[in-house]
Structure formats: C-alpha cells, structure tokens
Amino acid sequence: MSEIIELPKNSRETYQFRLGEFKGHKFIDMRIFVKEDGKNPCPTKKGLTVSPTLWVQFRAALVQVEAAMVAAKWLDEEDLSETQR
C-alpha cells in the first residue's frame, strides 16, 4: 500500500491516507493507526475505504459537510481557505 499522508489524531493515534489494491480492486484507504510501546504503528478496524469510481461523489459529500460545519459555526470560512494553499 502506498501512503500519501499521515495526520496526528492524538499522542498514540494517527490518521493515514493510502492508496491500495486487493484482488485487483483499487481503493483509497483512510484509517486510524495506533502506536504501542515503541512498535511500528498498526492499523485499526476504524477506517473507511472508497473506490476510485466513487471518489468524485465522496469529495462532493465532503464539500456539503464543510458547508454544514460553517453553518453550524464549527469552522470559519478562513479555516477552509487555509487548508487549500
């Protein structure tokens, strides 16, 4: 699997975004990894895989989620523009 980006969740866990393939099926994997006692991080069951054929729809759904977060005042519009630089 090819890791794209890793984001910290807390002191023990990270979010990893990766491209993968299983039995000829390609997917985008977004999963929580946990690091225990100096060992390499291990994937948990907490995650999500998205088929490349659904990626455009998935991104459109995230845009709707972002709009709802702004409307609920969980985020400011400026927060979103910062991540797109």
PDB file of N, CA and C in Angstrom:
ATOM      1  N   MET A   1       0.839  -1.167   0.000  1.00  0.00           N
ATOM      2  CA  MET A   1       0.000   0.000   0.000  1.00  0.00           C
ATOM      3  C   MET A   1       0.890   1.239   0.000  1.00  0.00           C
ATOM      4  N   SER A   2       0.435   2.268  -0.662  1.00  0.00           N
ATOM      5  CA  SER A   2       1.217   3.482  -0.822  1.00  0.00           C
ATOM      6  C   SER A   2       0.661   4.601   0.057  1.00  0.00           C
ATOM      7  N   GLU A   3       1.427   4.988   1.091  1.00  0.00           N
ATOM      8  CA  GLU A   3       0.985   6.045   2.000  1.00  0.00           C
ATOM      9  C   GLU A   3       1.087   7.405   1.329  1.00  0.00           C
ATOM     10  N   ILE A   4       0.039   8.200   1.491  1.00  0.00           N
ATOM     11  CA  ILE A   4       0.009   9.535   0.907  1.00  0.00           C
ATOM     12  C   ILE A   4       0.289  10.593   1.969  1.00  0.00           C
ATOM     13  N   ILE A   5      -0.458  10.505   3.073  1.00  0.00           N
ATOM     14  CA  ILE A   5      -0.290  11.489   4.142  1.00  0.00           C
ATOM     15  C   ILE A   5      -0.673  10.865   5.471  1.00  0.00           C
ATOM     16  N   GLU A   6      -0.062  11.367   6.529  1.00  0.00           N
ATOM     17  CA  GLU A   6      -0.354  10.931   7.878  1.00  0.00           C
ATOM     18  C   GLU A   6      -0.612  12.172   8.722  1.00  0.00           C
ATOM     19  N   LEU A   7      -1.727  12.160   9.456  1.00  0.00           N
ATOM     20  CA  LEU A   7      -2.091  13.292  10.307  1.00  0.00           C
ATOM     21  C   LEU A   7      -2.228  12.808  11.742  1.00  0.00           C
ATOM     22  N   PRO A   8      -1.683  13.558  12.714  1.00  0.00           N
ATOM     23  CA  PRO A   8      -1.833  13.123  14.104  1.00  0.00           C
ATOM     24  C   PRO A   8      -3.273  13.273  14.578  1.00  0.00           C
ATOM     25  N   LYS A   9      -3.748  12.275  15.317  1.00  0.00           N
ATOM     26  CA  LYS A   9      -5.065  12.349  15.951  1.00  0.00           C
ATOM     27  C   LYS A   9      -4.887  12.692  17.427  1.00  0.00           C
ATOM     28  N   ASN A  10      -3.974  11.990  18.074  1.00  0.00           N
ATOM     29  CA  ASN A  10      -3.609  12.252  19.471  1.00  0.00           C
ATOM     30  C   ASN A  10      -2.205  11.688  19.689  1.00  0.00           C
ATOM     31  N   SER A  11      -1.799  11.522  20.938  1.00  0.00           N
ATOM     32  CA  SER A  11      -0.418  11.090  21.195  1.00  0.00           C
ATOM     33  C   SER A  11      -0.144   9.652  20.765  1.00  0.00           C
ATOM     34  N   ARG A  12      -1.172   8.819  20.635  1.00  0.00           N
ATOM     35  CA  ARG A  12      -0.980   7.413  20.270  1.00  0.00           C
ATOM     36  C   ARG A  12      -1.487   7.053  18.881  1.00  0.00           C
ATOM     37  N   GLU A  13      -2.362   7.888  18.315  1.00  0.00           N
ATOM     38  CA  GLU A  13      -3.031   7.516  17.072  1.00  0.00           C
ATOM     39  C   GLU A  13      -2.781   8.533  15.962  1.00  0.00           C
ATOM     40  N   THR A  14      -2.802   8.022  14.736  1.00  0.00           N
ATOM     41  CA  THR A  14      -2.693   8.880  13.561  1.00  0.00           C
ATOM     42  C   THR A  14      -3.740   8.453  12.533  1.00  0.00           C
ATOM     43  N   TYR A  15      -4.108   9.392  11.677  1.00  0.00           N
ATOM     44  CA  TYR A  15      -4.914   9.079  10.505  1.00  0.00           C
ATOM     45  C   TYR A  15      -3.939   8.858   9.359  1.00  0.00           C
ATOM     46  N   GLN A  16      -4.087   7.767   8.631  1.00  0.00           N
ATOM     47  CA  GLN A  16      -3.267   7.534   7.440  1.00  0.00           C
ATOM     48  C   GLN A  16      -4.167   7.436   6.224  1.00  0.00           C
ATOM     49  N   PHE A  17      -3.770   8.121   5.178  1.00  0.00           N
ATOM     50  CA  PHE A  17      -4.463   8.088   3.899  1.00  0.00           C
ATOM     51  C   PHE A  17      -3.550   7.361   2.931  1.00  0.00           C
ATOM     52  N   ARG A  18      -4.060   6.287   2.325  1.00  0.00           N
ATOM     53  CA  ARG A  18      -3.214   5.451   1.470  1.00  0.00           C
ATOM     54  C   ARG A  18      -3.984   4.985   0.244  1.00  0.00           C
ATOM     55  N   LEU A  19      -3.235   4.670  -0.796  1.00  0.00           N
ATOM     56  CA  LEU A  19      -3.799   4.022  -1.974  1.00  0.00           C
ATOM     57  C   LEU A  19      -3.510   2.536  -1.856  1.00  0.00           C
ATOM     58  N   GLY A  20      -4.508   1.719  -2.159  1.00  0.00           N
ATOM     59  CA  GLY A  20      -4.310   0.285  -2.040  1.00  0.00           C
ATOM     60  C   GLY A  20      -5.002  -0.486  -3.142  1.00  0.00           C
ATOM     61  N   GLU A  21      -4.687  -1.761  -3.170  1.00  0.00           N
ATOM     62  CA  GLU A  21      -5.298  -2.657  -4.140  1.00  0.00           C
ATOM     63  C   GLU A  21      -5.406  -4.029  -3.485  1.00  0.00           C
ATOM     64  N   PHE A  22      -6.569  -4.676  -3.665  1.00  0.00           N
ATOM     65  CA  PHE A  22      -6.784  -6.006  -3.115  1.00  0.00           C
ATOM     66  C   PHE A  22      -7.560  -6.822  -4.128  1.00  0.00           C
ATOM     67  N   LYS A  23      -6.984  -7.936  -4.533  1.00  0.00           N
ATOM     68  CA  LYS A  23      -7.597  -8.831  -5.525  1.00  0.00           C
ATOM     69  C   LYS A  23      -8.045  -8.060  -6.770  1.00  0.00           C
ATOM     70  N   GLY A  24      -7.187  -7.151  -7.209  1.00  0.00           N
ATOM     71  CA  GLY A  24      -7.451  -6.394  -8.426  1.00  0.00           C
ATOM     72  C   GLY A  24      -8.362  -5.189  -8.248  1.00  0.00           C
ATOM     73  N   HIS A  25      -8.867  -4.956  -7.042  1.00  0.00           N
ATOM     74  CA  HIS A  25      -9.741  -3.808  -6.777  1.00  0.00           C
ATOM     75  C   HIS A  25      -8.937  -2.697  -6.116  1.00  0.00           C
ATOM     76  N   LYS A  26      -8.934  -1.526  -6.743  1.00  0.00           N
ATOM     77  CA  LYS A  26      -8.205  -0.373  -6.215  1.00  0.00           C
ATOM     78  C   LYS A  26      -9.108   0.404  -5.266  1.00  0.00           C
ATOM     79  N   PHE A  27      -8.479   1.037  -4.252  1.00  0.00           N
ATOM     80  CA  PHE A  27      -9.253   1.809  -3.290  1.00  0.00           C
ATOM     81  C   PHE A  27      -8.383   2.857  -2.606  1.00  0.00           C
ATOM     82  N   ILE A  28      -9.063   3.845  -2.037  1.00  0.00           N
ATOM     83  CA  ILE A  28      -8.428   4.850  -1.191  1.00  0.00           C
ATOM     84  C   ILE A  28      -8.760   4.426   0.232  1.00  0.00           C
ATOM     85  N   ASP A  29      -7.747   4.278   1.060  1.00  0.00           N
ATOM     86  CA  ASP A  29      -7.932   3.811   2.432  1.00  0.00           C
ATOM     87  C   ASP A  29      -7.638   4.957   3.387  1.00  0.00           C
ATOM     88  N   MET A  30      -8.579   5.249   4.265  1.00  0.00           N
ATOM     89  CA  MET A  30      -8.421   6.265   5.305  1.00  0.00           C
ATOM     90  C   MET A  30      -8.634   5.538   6.621  1.00  0.00           C
ATOM     91  N   ARG A  31      -7.585   5.411   7.412  1.00  0.00           N
ATOM     92  CA  ARG A  31      -7.645   4.520   8.570  1.00  0.00           C
ATOM     93  C   ARG A  31      -6.898   5.121   9.745  1.00  0.00           C
ATOM     94  N   ILE A  32      -7.343   4.751  10.952  1.00  0.00           N
ATOM     95  CA  ILE A  32      -6.639   5.136  12.176  1.00  0.00           C
ATOM     96  C   ILE A  32      -5.594   4.069  12.471  1.00  0.00           C
ATOM     97  N   PHE A  33      -4.387   4.530  12.757  1.00  0.00           N
ATOM     98  CA  PHE A  33      -3.287   3.653  13.156  1.00  0.00           C
ATOM     99  C   PHE A  33      -2.936   3.972  14.601  1.00  0.00           C
ATOM    100  N   VAL A  34      -2.578   2.948  15.348  1.00  0.00           N
ATOM    101  CA  VAL A  34      -2.202   3.132  16.750  1.00  0.00           C
ATOM    102  C   VAL A  34      -0.764   2.653  16.949  1.00  0.00           C
ATOM    103  N   LYS A  35      -0.013   3.414  17.760  1.00  0.00           N
ATOM    104  CA  LYS A  35       1.372   3.054  18.062  1.00  0.00           C
ATOM    105  C   LYS A  35       1.445   2.668  19.530  1.00  0.00           C
ATOM    106  N   GLU A  36       1.958   1.471  19.795  1.00  0.00           N
ATOM    107  CA  GLU A  36       2.040   0.973  21.159  1.00  0.00           C
ATOM    108  C   GLU A  36       3.472   0.620  21.528  1.00  0.00           C
ATOM    109  N   ASP A  37       3.945   1.171  22.625  1.00  0.00           N
ATOM    110  CA  ASP A  37       5.234   0.817  23.227  1.00  0.00           C
ATOM    111  C   ASP A  37       6.388   0.699  22.241  1.00  0.00           C
ATOM    112  N   GLY A  38       6.613   1.720  21.440  1.00  0.00           N
ATOM    113  CA  GLY A  38       7.751   1.756  20.545  1.00  0.00           C
ATOM    114  C   GLY A  38       7.658   0.866  19.322  1.00  0.00           C
ATOM    115  N   LYS A  39       6.543   0.172  19.138  1.00  0.00           N
ATOM    116  CA  LYS A  39       6.367  -0.674  17.961  1.00  0.00           C
ATOM    117  C   LYS A  39       5.934   0.177  16.776  1.00  0.00           C
ATOM    118  N   ASN A  40       6.015  -0.403  15.589  1.00  0.00           N
ATOM    119  CA  ASN A  40       5.515   0.289  14.403  1.00  0.00           C
ATOM    120  C   ASN A  40       4.008   0.465  14.520  1.00  0.00           C
ATOM    121  N   PRO A  41       3.471   1.561  13.983  1.00  0.00           N
ATOM    122  CA  PRO A  41       2.022   1.772  14.044  1.00  0.00           C
ATOM    123  C   PRO A  41       1.269   0.635  13.343  1.00  0.00           C
ATOM    124  N   CYS A  42       0.150   0.222  13.950  1.00  0.00           N
ATOM    125  CA  CYS A  42      -0.681  -0.849  13.403  1.00  0.00           C
ATOM    126  C   CYS A  42      -2.048  -0.301  13.031  1.00  0.00           C
ATOM    127  N   PRO A  43      -2.615  -0.768  11.919  1.00  0.00           N
ATOM    128  CA  PRO A  43      -3.945  -0.298  11.531  1.00  0.00           C
ATOM    129  C   PRO A  43      -5.011  -0.834  12.485  1.00  0.00           C
ATOM    130  N   THR A  44      -6.044  -0.043  12.686  1.00  0.00           N
ATOM    131  CA  THR A  44      -7.191  -0.483  13.465  1.00  0.00           C
ATOM    132  C   THR A  44      -8.335  -0.806  12.512  1.00  0.00           C
ATOM    133  N   LYS A  45      -9.437  -1.279  13.051  1.00  0.00           N
ATOM    134  CA  LYS A  45     -10.623  -1.524  12.235  1.00  0.00           C
ATOM    135  C   LYS A  45     -11.351  -0.226  11.921  1.00  0.00           C
ATOM    136  N   LYS A  46     -10.963   0.843  12.617  1.00  0.00           N
ATOM    137  CA  LYS A  46     -11.614   2.132  12.422  1.00  0.00           C
ATOM    138  C   LYS A  46     -11.069   2.783  11.160  1.00  0.00           C
ATOM    139  N   GLY A  47     -11.859   2.772  10.121  1.00  0.00           N
ATOM    140  CA  GLY A  47     -11.410   3.355   8.876  1.00  0.00           C
ATOM    141  C   GLY A  47     -12.473   3.274   7.821  1.00  0.00           C
ATOM    142  N   LEU A  48     -12.073   3.674   6.646  1.00  0.00           N
ATOM    143  CA  LEU A  48     -13.005   3.763   5.539  1.00  0.00           C
ATOM    144  C   LEU A  48     -12.229   3.562   4.255  1.00  0.00           C
ATOM    145  N   THR A  49     -12.814   2.805   3.342  1.00  0.00           N
ATOM    146  CA  THR A  49     -12.224   2.670   2.015  1.00  0.00           C
ATOM    147  C   THR A  49     -13.225   3.182   0.993  1.00  0.00           C
ATOM    148  N   VAL A  50     -12.701   3.858  -0.018  1.00  0.00           N
ATOM    149  CA  VAL A  50     -13.546   4.430  -1.063  1.00  0.00           C
ATOM    150  C   VAL A  50     -12.990   3.983  -2.416  1.00  0.00           C
ATOM    151  N   SER A  51     -13.862   3.498  -3.240  1.00  0.00           N
ATOM    152  CA  SER A  51     -13.487   3.104  -4.602  1.00  0.00           C
ATOM    153  C   SER A  51     -13.184   4.352  -5.426  1.00  0.00           C
ATOM    154  N   PRO A  52     -12.190   4.279  -6.319  1.00  0.00           N
ATOM    155  CA  PRO A  52     -11.913   5.432  -7.181  1.00  0.00           C
ATOM    156  C   PRO A  52     -13.139   5.873  -7.996  1.00  0.00           C
ATOM    157  N   THR A  53     -14.029   4.936  -8.312  1.00  0.00           N
ATOM    158  CA  THR A  53     -15.217   5.299  -9.091  1.00  0.00           C
ATOM    159  C   THR A  53     -16.193   6.154  -8.276  1.00  0.00           C
ATOM    160  N   LEU A  54     -16.084   6.103  -6.944  1.00  0.00           N
ATOM    161  CA  LEU A  54     -16.949   6.920  -6.084  1.00  0.00           C
ATOM    162  C   LEU A  54     -16.261   8.172  -5.554  1.00  0.00           C
ATOM    163  N   TRP A  55     -14.988   8.372  -5.916  1.00  0.00           N
ATOM    164  CA  TRP A  55     -14.212   9.451  -5.332  1.00  0.00           C
ATOM    165  C   TRP A  55     -14.828  10.835  -5.587  1.00  0.00           C
ATOM    166  N   VAL A  56     -15.292  11.099  -6.789  1.00  0.00           N
ATOM    167  CA  VAL A  56     -15.877  12.410  -7.106  1.00  0.00           C
ATOM    168  C   VAL A  56     -17.104  12.663  -6.227  1.00  0.00           C
ATOM    169  N   GLN A  57     -17.957  11.659  -6.069  1.00  0.00           N
ATOM    170  CA  GLN A  57     -19.135  11.797  -5.214  1.00  0.00           C
ATOM    171  C   GLN A  57     -18.731  11.965  -3.747  1.00  0.00           C
ATOM    172  N   PHE A  58     -17.699  11.257  -3.327  1.00  0.00           N
ATOM    173  CA  PHE A  58     -17.208  11.361  -1.954  1.00  0.00           C
ATOM    174  C   PHE A  58     -16.727  12.783  -1.671  1.00  0.00           C
ATOM    175  N   ARG A  59     -15.954  13.335  -2.587  1.00  0.00           N
ATOM    176  CA  ARG A  59     -15.466  14.713  -2.411  1.00  0.00           C
ATOM    177  C   ARG A  59     -16.618  15.706  -2.387  1.00  0.00           C
ATOM    178  N   ALA A  60     -17.633  15.493  -3.229  1.00  0.00           N
ATOM    179  CA  ALA A  60     -18.805  16.377  -3.231  1.00  0.00           C
ATOM    180  C   ALA A  60     -19.522  16.297  -1.881  1.00  0.00           C
ATOM    181  N   ALA A  61     -19.584  15.117  -1.292  1.00  0.00           N
ATOM    182  CA  ALA A  61     -20.199  14.970   0.027  1.00  0.00           C
ATOM    183  C   ALA A  61     -19.405  15.729   1.085  1.00  0.00           C
ATOM    184  N   LEU A  62     -18.069  15.702   0.980  1.00  0.00           N
ATOM    185  CA  LEU A  62     -17.233  16.443   1.928  1.00  0.00           C
ATOM    186  C   LEU A  62     -17.456  17.945   1.816  1.00  0.00           C
ATOM    187  N   VAL A  63     -17.687  18.434   0.621  1.00  0.00           N
ATOM    188  CA  VAL A  63     -17.994  19.856   0.433  1.00  0.00           C
ATOM    189  C   VAL A  63     -19.287  20.202   1.174  1.00  0.00           C
ATOM    190  N   GLN A  64     -20.270  19.331   1.098  1.00  0.00           N
ATOM    191  CA  GLN A  64     -21.533  19.549   1.819  1.00  0.00           C
ATOM    192  C   GLN A  64     -21.311  19.513   3.332  1.00  0.00           C
ATOM    193  N   VAL A  65     -20.464  18.606   3.789  1.00  0.00           N
ATOM    194  CA  VAL A  65     -20.143  18.530   5.217  1.00  0.00           C
ATOM    195  C   VAL A  65     -19.455  19.814   5.665  1.00  0.00           C
ATOM    196  N   GLU A  66     -18.504  20.307   4.870  1.00  0.00           N
ATOM    197  CA  GLU A  66     -17.821  21.558   5.205  1.00  0.00           C
ATOM    198  C   GLU A  66     -18.811  22.717   5.299  1.00  0.00           C
ATOM    199  N   ALA A  67     -19.744  22.804   4.357  1.00  0.00           N
ATOM    200  CA  ALA A  67     -20.749  23.872   4.380  1.00  0.00           C
ATOM    201  C   ALA A  67     -21.603  23.777   5.647  1.00  0.00           C
ATOM    202  N   ALA A  68     -21.976  22.566   6.035  1.00  0.00           N
ATOM    203  CA  ALA A  68     -22.763  22.376   7.254  1.00  0.00           C
ATOM    204  C   ALA A  68     -21.957  22.779   8.490  1.00  0.00           C
ATOM    205  N   MET A  69     -20.658  22.481   8.484  1.00  0.00           N
ATOM    206  CA  MET A  69     -19.804  22.860   9.612  1.00  0.00           C
ATOM    207  C   MET A  69     -19.684  24.374   9.733  1.00  0.00           C
ATOM    208  N   VAL A  70     -19.582  25.051   8.613  1.00  0.00           N
ATOM    209  CA  VAL A  70     -19.518  26.514   8.619  1.00  0.00           C
ATOM    210  C   VAL A  70     -20.853  27.079   9.100  1.00  0.00           C
ATOM    211  N   ALA A  71     -21.961  26.527   8.607  1.00  0.00           N
ATOM    212  CA  ALA A  71     -23.288  26.999   9.015  1.00  0.00           C
ATOM    213  C   ALA A  71     -23.517  26.799  10.512  1.00  0.00           C
ATOM    214  N   ALA A  72     -22.983  25.705  11.060  1.00  0.00           N
ATOM    215  CA  ALA A  72     -23.126  25.421  12.487  1.00  0.00           C
ATOM    216  C   ALA A  72     -22.085  26.167  13.323  1.00  0.00           C
ATOM    217  N   LYS A  73     -21.227  26.927  12.658  1.00  0.00           N
ATOM    218  CA  LYS A  73     -20.147  27.693  13.293  1.00  0.00           C
ATOM    219  C   LYS A  73     -19.107  26.803  13.992  1.00  0.00           C
ATOM    220  N   TRP A  74     -18.918  25.614  13.452  1.00  0.00           N
ATOM    221  CA  TRP A  74     -17.841  24.741  13.917  1.00  0.00           C
ATOM    222  C   TRP A  74     -16.524  25.137  13.270  1.00  0.00           C
ATOM    223  N   LEU A  75     -16.610  25.747  12.081  1.00  0.00           N
ATOM    224  CA  LEU A  75     -15.453  26.225  11.324  1.00  0.00           C
ATOM    225  C   LEU A  75     -15.774  27.604  10.771  1.00  0.00           C
ATOM    226  N   ASP A  76     -14.721  28.369  10.523  1.00  0.00           N
ATOM    227  CA  ASP A  76     -14.863  29.632   9.807  1.00  0.00           C
ATOM    228  C   ASP A  76     -14.457  29.397   8.360  1.00  0.00           C
ATOM    229  N   GLU A  77     -14.988  30.211   7.458  1.00  0.00           N
ATOM    230  CA  GLU A  77     -14.602  30.121   6.040  1.00  0.00           C
ATOM    231  C   GLU A  77     -13.084  30.224   5.892  1.00  0.00           C
ATOM    232  N   GLU A  78     -12.449  31.054   6.730  1.00  0.00           N
ATOM    233  CA  GLU A  78     -10.996  31.239   6.654  1.00  0.00           C
ATOM    234  C   GLU A  78     -10.256  29.937   6.955  1.00  0.00           C
ATOM    235  N   ASP A  79     -10.813  29.107   7.844  1.00  0.00           N
ATOM    236  CA  ASP A  79     -10.182  27.820   8.155  1.00  0.00           C
ATOM    237  C   ASP A  79     -10.076  26.955   6.905  1.00  0.00           C
ATOM    238  N   LEU A  80     -11.110  26.982   6.088  1.00  0.00           N
ATOM    239  CA  LEU A  80     -11.122  26.171   4.860  1.00  0.00           C
ATOM    240  C   LEU A  80     -10.148  26.709   3.834  1.00  0.00           C
ATOM    241  N   SER A  81     -10.032  28.020   3.720  1.00  0.00           N
ATOM    242  CA  SER A  81      -9.108  28.582   2.734  1.00  0.00           C
ATOM    243  C   SER A  81      -7.657  28.325   3.121  1.00  0.00           C
ATOM    244  N   GLU A  82      -7.366  28.209   4.408  1.00  0.00           N
ATOM    245  CA  GLU A  82      -6.006  27.902   4.868  1.00  0.00           C
ATOM    246  C   GLU A  82      -5.543  26.534   4.402  1.00  0.00           C
ATOM    247  N   THR A  83      -6.440  25.557   4.376  1.00  0.00           N
ATOM    248  CA  THR A  83      -6.060  24.180   4.010  1.00  0.00           C
ATOM    249  C   THR A  83      -5.879  24.011   2.520  1.00  0.00           C
ATOM    250  N   GLN A  84      -6.364  24.959   1.717  1.00  0.00           N
ATOM    251  CA  GLN A  84      -6.303  24.813   0.278  1.00  0.00           C
ATOM    252  C   GLN A  84      -5.092  25.513  -0.342  1.00  0.00           C
ATOM    253  N   ARG A  85      -4.189  25.975   0.488  1.00  0.00           N
ATOM    254  CA  ARG A  85      -2.986  26.643  -0.038  1.00  0.00           C
ATOM    255  C   ARG A  85      -1.922  25.658  -0.411  1.00  0.00           C
TER     256      ARG A  85
END
